[in-house]
Amino acid sequence: MSNVTPPDGELRERFWEHHALTALNTAEWEALCDGCGQCCLLKFEDEDNGDIAVLDVACRLLDVNKVSCRDYANRSTRVPGCIPLDVETVARLRWLPETCGYRRLNEGRELPEWHPLLTGDAKSVRRAGVSVSRFAVSEASVRQQDLEDHIIAIIDPES
């Protein structure tokens, strides 16, 4: 795998197969995102055991229908709990879904067959049933006291 980064904006042919995450430019890094929106679901950590509760509630900045951030450039300043993904966070975060391109490449696995980089079609994520657009609700429509009712998964960070 190459560790040489090309100029920003340039996508090398099948870059995900030939280059380490650390060698990707901004355009390649962004292209790895399949647009599923799962990283934008609210998560809470149990202080007692470290388990992570994943909710079907999306960040207030996520347009759930389009599955895109309304203010991507400023998301981490507007939403204090937002964790922008980079090489270090991808290696550390155990709640990234098994289908996540960043996680899969970090673990030495291939992209899933429905990934837009392989299909050439951004809608392939929805057809594969991976997009949060099929089940998520906006944080703006859920009362704080009702969040516990929206837990859809518990993740043991040690597994």
N, C-alpha and C. Protein backbone atom coordinates (compact mmCIF):
# COMPACT_ATOMS: atom_id res chain seq x y z
N MET A 1 0.83 -1.19 0.00
CA MET A 1 0.00 0.00 0.00
C MET A 1 0.87 1.25 0.00
N SER A 2 0.45 2.19 -0.77
CA SER A 2 1.20 3.44 -0.89
C SER A 2 0.83 4.40 0.22
N ASN A 3 1.79 5.18 0.65
CA ASN A 3 1.56 6.24 1.63
C ASN A 3 1.79 7.61 1.03
N VAL A 4 1.82 7.71 -0.30
CA VAL A 4 2.03 8.98 -0.98
C VAL A 4 0.66 9.60 -1.27
N THR A 5 0.46 10.81 -0.81
CA THR A 5 -0.82 11.49 -0.99
C THR A 5 -0.79 12.36 -2.24
N PRO A 6 -1.81 12.23 -3.13
CA PRO A 6 -1.88 13.07 -4.32
C PRO A 6 -2.45 14.45 -3.97
N PRO A 7 -2.46 15.36 -4.93
CA PRO A 7 -3.05 16.68 -4.67
C PRO A 7 -4.52 16.54 -4.29
N ASP A 8 -5.00 17.45 -3.43
CA ASP A 8 -6.41 17.43 -3.05
C ASP A 8 -7.29 17.59 -4.28
N GLY A 9 -8.43 16.91 -4.25
CA GLY A 9 -9.37 17.00 -5.34
C GLY A 9 -9.22 15.90 -6.36
N GLU A 10 -8.08 15.26 -6.41
CA GLU A 10 -7.82 14.21 -7.39
C GLU A 10 -8.15 12.84 -6.79
N LEU A 11 -8.97 12.06 -7.50
CA LEU A 11 -9.28 10.70 -7.07
C LEU A 11 -8.46 9.73 -7.92
N ARG A 12 -7.60 8.99 -7.26
CA ARG A 12 -6.84 7.97 -7.98
C ARG A 12 -7.74 6.77 -8.24
N GLU A 13 -7.49 6.10 -9.36
CA GLU A 13 -8.30 4.94 -9.72
C GLU A 13 -8.25 3.89 -8.63
N ARG A 14 -9.42 3.46 -8.17
CA ARG A 14 -9.58 2.43 -7.14
C ARG A 14 -8.61 2.64 -5.97
N PHE A 15 -8.51 3.89 -5.55
CA PHE A 15 -7.58 4.29 -4.49
C PHE A 15 -7.74 3.47 -3.22
N TRP A 16 -8.95 3.09 -2.90
CA TRP A 16 -9.23 2.35 -1.67
C TRP A 16 -8.57 0.96 -1.65
N GLU A 17 -8.22 0.45 -2.81
CA GLU A 17 -7.57 -0.87 -2.88
C GLU A 17 -6.05 -0.79 -2.81
N HIS A 18 -5.51 0.38 -3.08
CA HIS A 18 -4.05 0.50 -3.24
C HIS A 18 -3.35 1.43 -2.26
N HIS A 19 -4.12 2.18 -1.47
CA HIS A 19 -3.50 3.20 -0.62
C HIS A 19 -4.05 3.13 0.80
N ALA A 20 -3.18 3.34 1.75
CA ALA A 20 -3.56 3.37 3.16
C ALA A 20 -4.44 4.58 3.44
N LEU A 21 -5.27 4.49 4.48
CA LEU A 21 -6.11 5.63 4.86
C LEU A 21 -5.27 6.89 5.09
N THR A 22 -4.08 6.71 5.63
CA THR A 22 -3.21 7.86 5.91
C THR A 22 -2.71 8.53 4.64
N ALA A 23 -2.81 7.86 3.50
CA ALA A 23 -2.30 8.41 2.24
C ALA A 23 -3.38 9.03 1.36
N LEU A 24 -4.61 9.10 1.88
CA LEU A 24 -5.70 9.65 1.08
C LEU A 24 -5.75 11.16 1.17
N ASN A 25 -6.10 11.80 0.06
CA ASN A 25 -6.31 13.24 0.10
C ASN A 25 -7.75 13.50 0.55
N THR A 26 -8.11 14.75 0.69
CA THR A 26 -9.43 15.11 1.20
C THR A 26 -10.55 14.55 0.33
N ALA A 27 -10.41 14.66 -0.98
CA ALA A 27 -11.45 14.17 -1.89
C ALA A 27 -11.62 12.65 -1.77
N GLU A 28 -10.53 11.93 -1.67
CA GLU A 28 -10.60 10.48 -1.53
C GLU A 28 -11.22 10.10 -0.19
N TRP A 29 -10.81 10.80 0.86
CA TRP A 29 -11.36 10.53 2.19
C TRP A 29 -12.87 10.72 2.18
N GLU A 30 -13.33 11.83 1.63
CA GLU A 30 -14.76 12.11 1.58
C GLU A 30 -15.49 11.09 0.71
N ALA A 31 -14.87 10.64 -0.37
CA ALA A 31 -15.49 9.66 -1.27
C ALA A 31 -15.69 8.31 -0.59
N LEU A 32 -14.90 8.02 0.43
CA LEU A 32 -15.05 6.76 1.16
C LEU A 32 -16.35 6.71 1.95
N CYS A 33 -16.88 7.87 2.28
CA CYS A 33 -18.14 7.92 3.02
C CYS A 33 -19.26 7.44 2.09
N ASP A 34 -20.00 6.43 2.54
CA ASP A 34 -21.09 5.90 1.70
C ASP A 34 -22.37 6.71 1.84
N GLY A 35 -22.40 7.64 2.81
CA GLY A 35 -23.57 8.48 2.99
C GLY A 35 -24.71 7.80 3.72
N CYS A 36 -24.42 6.77 4.50
CA CYS A 36 -25.48 6.05 5.21
C CYS A 36 -26.08 6.86 6.35
N GLY A 37 -25.28 7.74 6.96
CA GLY A 37 -25.75 8.57 8.06
C GLY A 37 -25.69 7.90 9.43
N GLN A 38 -25.21 6.68 9.50
CA GLN A 38 -25.19 5.99 10.79
C GLN A 38 -24.28 6.66 11.81
N CYS A 39 -23.23 7.32 11.35
CA CYS A 39 -22.36 8.01 12.30
C CYS A 39 -23.04 9.25 12.87
N CYS A 40 -24.14 9.69 12.26
CA CYS A 40 -24.87 10.87 12.73
C CYS A 40 -26.00 10.53 13.69
N LEU A 41 -26.18 9.25 13.99
CA LEU A 41 -27.18 8.86 14.98
C LEU A 41 -26.66 9.20 16.37
N LEU A 42 -27.55 9.61 17.26
CA LEU A 42 -27.13 9.92 18.62
C LEU A 42 -26.70 8.64 19.33
N LYS A 43 -25.68 8.80 20.17
CA LYS A 43 -25.15 7.69 20.95
C LYS A 43 -24.85 8.19 22.35
N PHE A 44 -25.09 7.32 23.32
CA PHE A 44 -24.79 7.66 24.70
C PHE A 44 -23.99 6.53 25.32
N GLU A 45 -23.00 6.90 26.11
CA GLU A 45 -22.17 5.90 26.77
C GLU A 45 -22.64 5.69 28.20
N ASP A 46 -22.80 4.43 28.59
CA ASP A 46 -23.15 4.07 29.95
C ASP A 46 -21.91 4.28 30.81
N GLU A 47 -22.00 5.16 31.79
CA GLU A 47 -20.84 5.49 32.62
C GLU A 47 -20.39 4.32 33.47
N ASP A 48 -21.29 3.38 33.76
CA ASP A 48 -20.94 2.25 34.62
C ASP A 48 -20.15 1.17 33.89
N ASN A 49 -20.60 0.80 32.69
CA ASN A 49 -19.95 -0.32 32.00
C ASN A 49 -19.33 0.03 30.65
N GLY A 50 -19.49 1.26 30.19
CA GLY A 50 -18.90 1.68 28.93
C GLY A 50 -19.68 1.30 27.69
N ASP A 51 -20.81 0.57 27.87
CA ASP A 51 -21.64 0.23 26.71
C ASP A 51 -22.13 1.50 26.03
N ILE A 52 -22.34 1.40 24.72
CA ILE A 52 -22.79 2.55 23.95
C ILE A 52 -24.19 2.25 23.43
N ALA A 53 -25.14 3.12 23.79
CA ALA A 53 -26.50 3.00 23.29
C ALA A 53 -26.62 3.82 22.02
N VAL A 54 -27.10 3.17 20.96
CA VAL A 54 -27.31 3.84 19.67
C VAL A 54 -28.80 4.09 19.54
N LEU A 55 -29.16 5.31 19.18
CA LEU A 55 -30.56 5.68 19.04
C LEU A 55 -30.95 5.80 17.57
N ASP A 56 -32.25 5.75 17.31
CA ASP A 56 -32.74 5.98 15.95
C ASP A 56 -33.00 7.46 15.72
N VAL A 57 -32.35 8.28 16.53
CA VAL A 57 -32.48 9.74 16.47
C VAL A 57 -31.21 10.32 15.85
N ALA A 58 -31.39 11.08 14.79
CA ALA A 58 -30.24 11.67 14.09
C ALA A 58 -29.95 13.07 14.60
N CYS A 59 -28.72 13.46 14.50
CA CYS A 59 -28.26 14.80 14.84
C CYS A 59 -29.19 15.84 14.21
N ARG A 60 -29.39 16.93 14.91
CA ARG A 60 -30.29 17.98 14.42
C ARG A 60 -29.84 18.58 13.10
N LEU A 61 -28.57 18.47 12.76
CA LEU A 61 -28.09 19.01 11.48
C LEU A 61 -28.28 18.06 10.31
N LEU A 62 -28.60 16.80 10.59
CA LEU A 62 -28.74 15.84 9.49
C LEU A 62 -30.13 15.96 8.86
N ASP A 63 -30.17 16.18 7.57
CA ASP A 63 -31.41 16.10 6.82
C ASP A 63 -31.65 14.60 6.62
N VAL A 64 -32.61 14.07 7.36
CA VAL A 64 -32.83 12.62 7.39
C VAL A 64 -33.25 12.08 6.02
N ASN A 65 -34.02 12.84 5.26
CA ASN A 65 -34.47 12.37 3.95
C ASN A 65 -33.33 12.32 2.94
N LYS A 66 -32.51 13.36 2.93
CA LYS A 66 -31.38 13.41 1.99
C LYS A 66 -30.14 12.72 2.55
N VAL A 67 -30.13 12.48 3.86
CA VAL A 67 -28.99 11.93 4.59
C VAL A 67 -27.74 12.76 4.28
N SER A 68 -27.87 14.05 4.54
CA SER A 68 -26.72 14.95 4.38
C SER A 68 -26.78 16.01 5.48
N CYS A 69 -25.61 16.44 5.88
CA CYS A 69 -25.49 17.44 6.94
C CYS A 69 -25.84 18.81 6.37
N ARG A 70 -26.65 19.54 7.12
CA ARG A 70 -27.06 20.87 6.68
C ARG A 70 -25.95 21.90 6.81
N ASP A 71 -24.94 21.60 7.62
CA ASP A 71 -23.81 22.53 7.80
C ASP A 71 -22.53 21.73 8.03
N TYR A 72 -22.17 20.94 7.04
CA TYR A 72 -21.04 20.02 7.15
C TYR A 72 -19.75 20.72 7.58
N ALA A 73 -19.47 21.87 7.00
CA ALA A 73 -18.20 22.57 7.29
C ALA A 73 -18.10 23.00 8.75
N ASN A 74 -19.22 23.29 9.38
CA ASN A 74 -19.21 23.81 10.76
C ASN A 74 -19.83 22.84 11.76
N ARG A 75 -20.04 21.61 11.37
CA ARG A 75 -20.77 20.66 12.21
C ARG A 75 -20.17 20.47 13.60
N SER A 76 -18.86 20.38 13.68
CA SER A 76 -18.26 20.08 14.99
C SER A 76 -18.26 21.28 15.93
N THR A 77 -18.43 22.48 15.41
CA THR A 77 -18.55 23.64 16.29
C THR A 77 -20.01 23.87 16.67
N ARG A 78 -20.92 23.56 15.77
CA ARG A 78 -22.34 23.75 16.04
C ARG A 78 -22.93 22.64 16.91
N VAL A 79 -22.35 21.46 16.82
CA VAL A 79 -22.83 20.31 17.59
C VAL A 79 -21.65 19.80 18.42
N PRO A 80 -21.59 20.17 19.69
CA PRO A 80 -20.44 19.83 20.53
C PRO A 80 -20.09 18.34 20.56
N GLY A 81 -21.04 17.44 20.45
CA GLY A 81 -20.76 16.01 20.49
C GLY A 81 -20.37 15.41 19.15
N CYS A 82 -20.36 16.22 18.10
CA CYS A 82 -20.01 15.71 16.77
C CYS A 82 -18.53 15.33 16.74
N ILE A 83 -18.26 14.15 16.23
CA ILE A 83 -16.88 13.67 16.14
C ILE A 83 -16.52 13.52 14.66
N PRO A 84 -15.81 14.49 14.11
CA PRO A 84 -15.38 14.34 12.71
C PRO A 84 -14.47 13.12 12.57
N LEU A 85 -14.69 12.36 11.52
CA LEU A 85 -13.89 11.15 11.32
C LEU A 85 -12.56 11.48 10.67
N ASP A 86 -11.51 10.93 11.25
CA ASP A 86 -10.18 10.99 10.67
C ASP A 86 -9.52 9.65 10.95
N VAL A 87 -8.30 9.48 10.53
CA VAL A 87 -7.63 8.18 10.67
C VAL A 87 -7.61 7.73 12.13
N GLU A 88 -7.31 8.64 13.04
CA GLU A 88 -7.21 8.29 14.46
C GLU A 88 -8.57 7.91 15.04
N THR A 89 -9.61 8.69 14.75
CA THR A 89 -10.92 8.37 15.32
C THR A 89 -11.50 7.09 14.73
N VAL A 90 -11.27 6.85 13.45
CA VAL A 90 -11.75 5.61 12.83
C VAL A 90 -11.14 4.40 13.53
N ALA A 91 -9.88 4.47 13.87
CA ALA A 91 -9.21 3.35 14.54
C ALA A 91 -9.72 3.16 15.97
N ARG A 92 -10.21 4.22 16.57
CA ARG A 92 -10.61 4.20 17.97
C ARG A 92 -12.10 3.92 18.20
N LEU A 93 -12.96 4.39 17.32
CA LEU A 93 -14.41 4.31 17.54
C LEU A 93 -14.95 2.92 17.24
N ARG A 94 -15.46 2.25 18.24
CA ARG A 94 -16.00 0.90 18.06
C ARG A 94 -17.46 0.92 17.61
N TRP A 95 -18.10 2.07 17.62
CA TRP A 95 -19.50 2.12 17.24
C TRP A 95 -19.73 2.37 15.75
N LEU A 96 -18.66 2.57 15.00
CA LEU A 96 -18.86 2.69 13.55
C LEU A 96 -19.44 1.36 13.05
N PRO A 97 -20.42 1.42 12.17
CA PRO A 97 -21.05 0.17 11.73
C PRO A 97 -20.08 -0.72 10.95
N GLU A 98 -20.35 -2.01 10.97
CA GLU A 98 -19.55 -2.99 10.23
C GLU A 98 -19.47 -2.65 8.75
N THR A 99 -20.48 -1.97 8.24
CA THR A 99 -20.55 -1.63 6.82
C THR A 99 -19.74 -0.40 6.45
N CYS A 100 -19.29 0.36 7.43
CA CYS A 100 -18.58 1.63 7.19
C CYS A 100 -17.29 1.41 6.40
N GLY A 101 -17.16 2.13 5.30
CA GLY A 101 -15.96 2.01 4.46
C GLY A 101 -14.69 2.35 5.21
N TYR A 102 -14.73 3.39 6.04
CA TYR A 102 -13.55 3.76 6.82
C TYR A 102 -13.14 2.62 7.75
N ARG A 103 -14.12 2.09 8.47
CA ARG A 103 -13.84 1.00 9.40
C ARG A 103 -13.31 -0.23 8.66
N ARG A 104 -13.98 -0.58 7.57
CA ARG A 104 -13.59 -1.79 6.83
C ARG A 104 -12.16 -1.68 6.30
N LEU A 105 -11.81 -0.54 5.71
CA LEU A 105 -10.45 -0.39 5.20
C LEU A 105 -9.44 -0.36 6.33
N ASN A 106 -9.79 0.27 7.44
CA ASN A 106 -8.90 0.30 8.60
C ASN A 106 -8.63 -1.12 9.12
N GLU A 107 -9.63 -1.99 9.00
CA GLU A 107 -9.50 -3.38 9.46
C GLU A 107 -8.96 -4.31 8.37
N GLY A 108 -8.58 -3.75 7.22
CA GLY A 108 -8.02 -4.56 6.15
C GLY A 108 -9.05 -5.31 5.33
N ARG A 109 -10.31 -4.87 5.39
CA ARG A 109 -11.38 -5.53 4.63
C ARG A 109 -11.75 -4.70 3.41
N GLU A 110 -12.46 -5.32 2.50
CA GLU A 110 -12.90 -4.65 1.27
C GLU A 110 -14.16 -3.83 1.53
N LEU A 111 -14.44 -2.90 0.62
CA LEU A 111 -15.70 -2.16 0.68
C LEU A 111 -16.85 -3.12 0.38
N PRO A 112 -18.03 -2.87 0.97
CA PRO A 112 -19.17 -3.73 0.65
C PRO A 112 -19.57 -3.56 -0.82
N GLU A 113 -20.15 -4.58 -1.39
CA GLU A 113 -20.46 -4.59 -2.83
C GLU A 113 -21.39 -3.47 -3.26
N TRP A 114 -22.19 -2.94 -2.34
CA TRP A 114 -23.14 -1.88 -2.67
C TRP A 114 -22.54 -0.48 -2.52
N HIS A 115 -21.29 -0.36 -2.10
CA HIS A 115 -20.68 0.96 -1.86
C HIS A 115 -20.70 1.79 -3.15
N PRO A 116 -21.05 3.08 -3.04
CA PRO A 116 -21.11 3.94 -4.22
C PRO A 116 -19.82 3.99 -5.05
N LEU A 117 -18.67 3.81 -4.42
CA LEU A 117 -17.43 3.79 -5.20
C LEU A 117 -17.38 2.58 -6.14
N LEU A 118 -18.06 1.51 -5.77
CA LEU A 118 -18.08 0.31 -6.60
C LEU A 118 -19.25 0.31 -7.59
N THR A 119 -20.39 0.86 -7.16
CA THR A 119 -21.58 0.84 -8.02
C THR A 119 -21.67 2.06 -8.92
N GLY A 120 -21.01 3.16 -8.51
CA GLY A 120 -21.14 4.40 -9.26
C GLY A 120 -22.49 5.07 -9.03
N ASP A 121 -23.21 4.63 -8.01
CA ASP A 121 -24.56 5.13 -7.76
C ASP A 121 -24.76 5.38 -6.26
N ALA A 122 -24.97 6.64 -5.88
CA ALA A 122 -25.15 7.00 -4.48
C ALA A 122 -26.40 6.35 -3.88
N LYS A 123 -27.38 6.02 -4.70
CA LYS A 123 -28.62 5.41 -4.21
C LYS A 123 -28.45 3.94 -3.84
N SER A 124 -27.32 3.36 -4.17
CA SER A 124 -27.09 1.95 -3.85
C SER A 124 -27.09 1.72 -2.33
N VAL A 125 -26.77 2.75 -1.57
CA VAL A 125 -26.78 2.65 -0.10
C VAL A 125 -28.21 2.44 0.39
N ARG A 126 -29.13 3.21 -0.15
CA ARG A 126 -30.55 3.06 0.23
C ARG A 126 -31.07 1.69 -0.21
N ARG A 127 -30.76 1.29 -1.43
CA ARG A 127 -31.24 -0.01 -1.92
C ARG A 127 -30.70 -1.16 -1.07
N ALA A 128 -29.52 -1.00 -0.52
CA ALA A 128 -28.93 -2.04 0.32
C ALA A 128 -29.55 -2.06 1.72
N GLY A 129 -30.37 -1.05 2.04
CA GLY A 129 -31.02 -0.99 3.34
C GLY A 129 -30.12 -0.50 4.46
N VAL A 130 -29.05 0.19 4.11
CA VAL A 130 -28.07 0.63 5.10
C VAL A 130 -28.31 2.08 5.54
N SER A 131 -29.00 2.85 4.75
CA SER A 131 -29.21 4.27 5.02
C SER A 131 -30.15 4.49 6.20
N VAL A 132 -29.86 5.49 7.02
CA VAL A 132 -30.73 5.83 8.14
C VAL A 132 -32.04 6.47 7.67
N SER A 133 -32.12 6.82 6.40
CA SER A 133 -33.33 7.47 5.88
C SER A 133 -34.56 6.58 6.05
N ARG A 134 -34.36 5.29 6.18
CA ARG A 134 -35.49 4.37 6.29
C ARG A 134 -36.06 4.28 7.71
N PHE A 135 -35.33 4.79 8.72
CA PHE A 135 -35.83 4.64 10.09
C PHE A 135 -35.56 5.82 11.02
N ALA A 136 -34.63 6.66 10.73
CA ALA A 136 -34.22 7.71 11.68
C ALA A 136 -35.23 8.86 11.74
N VAL A 137 -35.27 9.48 12.90
CA VAL A 137 -36.03 10.71 13.10
C VAL A 137 -35.05 11.79 13.53
N SER A 138 -35.42 13.02 13.29
CA SER A 138 -34.54 14.13 13.65
C SER A 138 -34.58 14.40 15.15
N GLU A 139 -33.44 14.76 15.67
CA GLU A 139 -33.33 15.15 17.08
C GLU A 139 -34.30 16.28 17.40
N ALA A 140 -34.58 17.13 16.43
CA ALA A 140 -35.48 18.27 16.63
C ALA A 140 -36.91 17.83 16.93
N SER A 141 -37.27 16.59 16.57
CA SER A 141 -38.64 16.13 16.77
C SER A 141 -38.81 15.22 17.99
N VAL A 142 -37.75 15.04 18.78
CA VAL A 142 -37.81 14.15 19.94
C VAL A 142 -37.51 14.94 21.21
N ARG A 143 -38.40 14.76 22.19
CA ARG A 143 -38.17 15.43 23.48
C ARG A 143 -37.03 14.75 24.23
N GLN A 144 -36.24 15.52 24.92
CA GLN A 144 -35.09 15.02 25.67
C GLN A 144 -35.48 13.85 26.57
N GLN A 145 -36.60 13.97 27.26
CA GLN A 145 -37.02 12.92 28.19
C GLN A 145 -37.47 11.63 27.48
N ASP A 146 -37.66 11.68 26.17
CA ASP A 146 -38.08 10.50 25.42
C ASP A 146 -36.93 9.78 24.71
N LEU A 147 -35.73 10.31 24.81
CA LEU A 147 -34.60 9.73 24.07
C LEU A 147 -34.37 8.26 24.41
N GLU A 148 -34.54 7.89 25.67
CA GLU A 148 -34.31 6.51 26.08
C GLU A 148 -35.23 5.53 25.33
N ASP A 149 -36.40 6.00 24.92
CA ASP A 149 -37.34 5.16 24.17
C ASP A 149 -36.87 4.89 22.75
N HIS A 150 -35.82 5.55 22.31
CA HIS A 150 -35.36 5.45 20.93
C HIS A 150 -34.08 4.61 20.77
N ILE A 151 -33.70 3.89 21.82
CA ILE A 151 -32.50 3.04 21.73
C ILE A 151 -32.79 1.87 20.78
N ILE A 152 -31.90 1.69 19.79
CA ILE A 152 -32.08 0.59 18.83
C ILE A 152 -30.98 -0.46 18.93
N ALA A 153 -29.90 -0.12 19.63
CA ALA A 153 -28.80 -1.08 19.76
C ALA A 153 -27.94 -0.70 20.96
N ILE A 154 -27.34 -1.71 21.56
CA ILE A 154 -26.35 -1.51 22.62
C ILE A 154 -25.05 -2.15 22.12
N ILE A 155 -23.98 -1.37 22.13
CA ILE A 155 -22.69 -1.86 21.64
C ILE A 155 -21.72 -1.97 22.81
N ASP A 156 -21.12 -3.14 22.94
CA ASP A 156 -20.06 -3.35 23.92
C ASP A 156 -18.77 -2.90 23.25
N PRO A 157 -18.15 -1.82 23.73
CA PRO A 157 -16.97 -1.30 23.05
C PRO A 157 -15.77 -2.25 23.08
N GLU A 158 -15.82 -3.27 23.90
CA GLU A 158 -14.72 -4.23 23.98
C GLU A 158 -14.82 -5.31 22.91
N SER A 159 -15.99 -5.42 22.28
CA SER A 159 -16.15 -6.50 21.28
C SER A 159 -15.80 -6.03 19.89
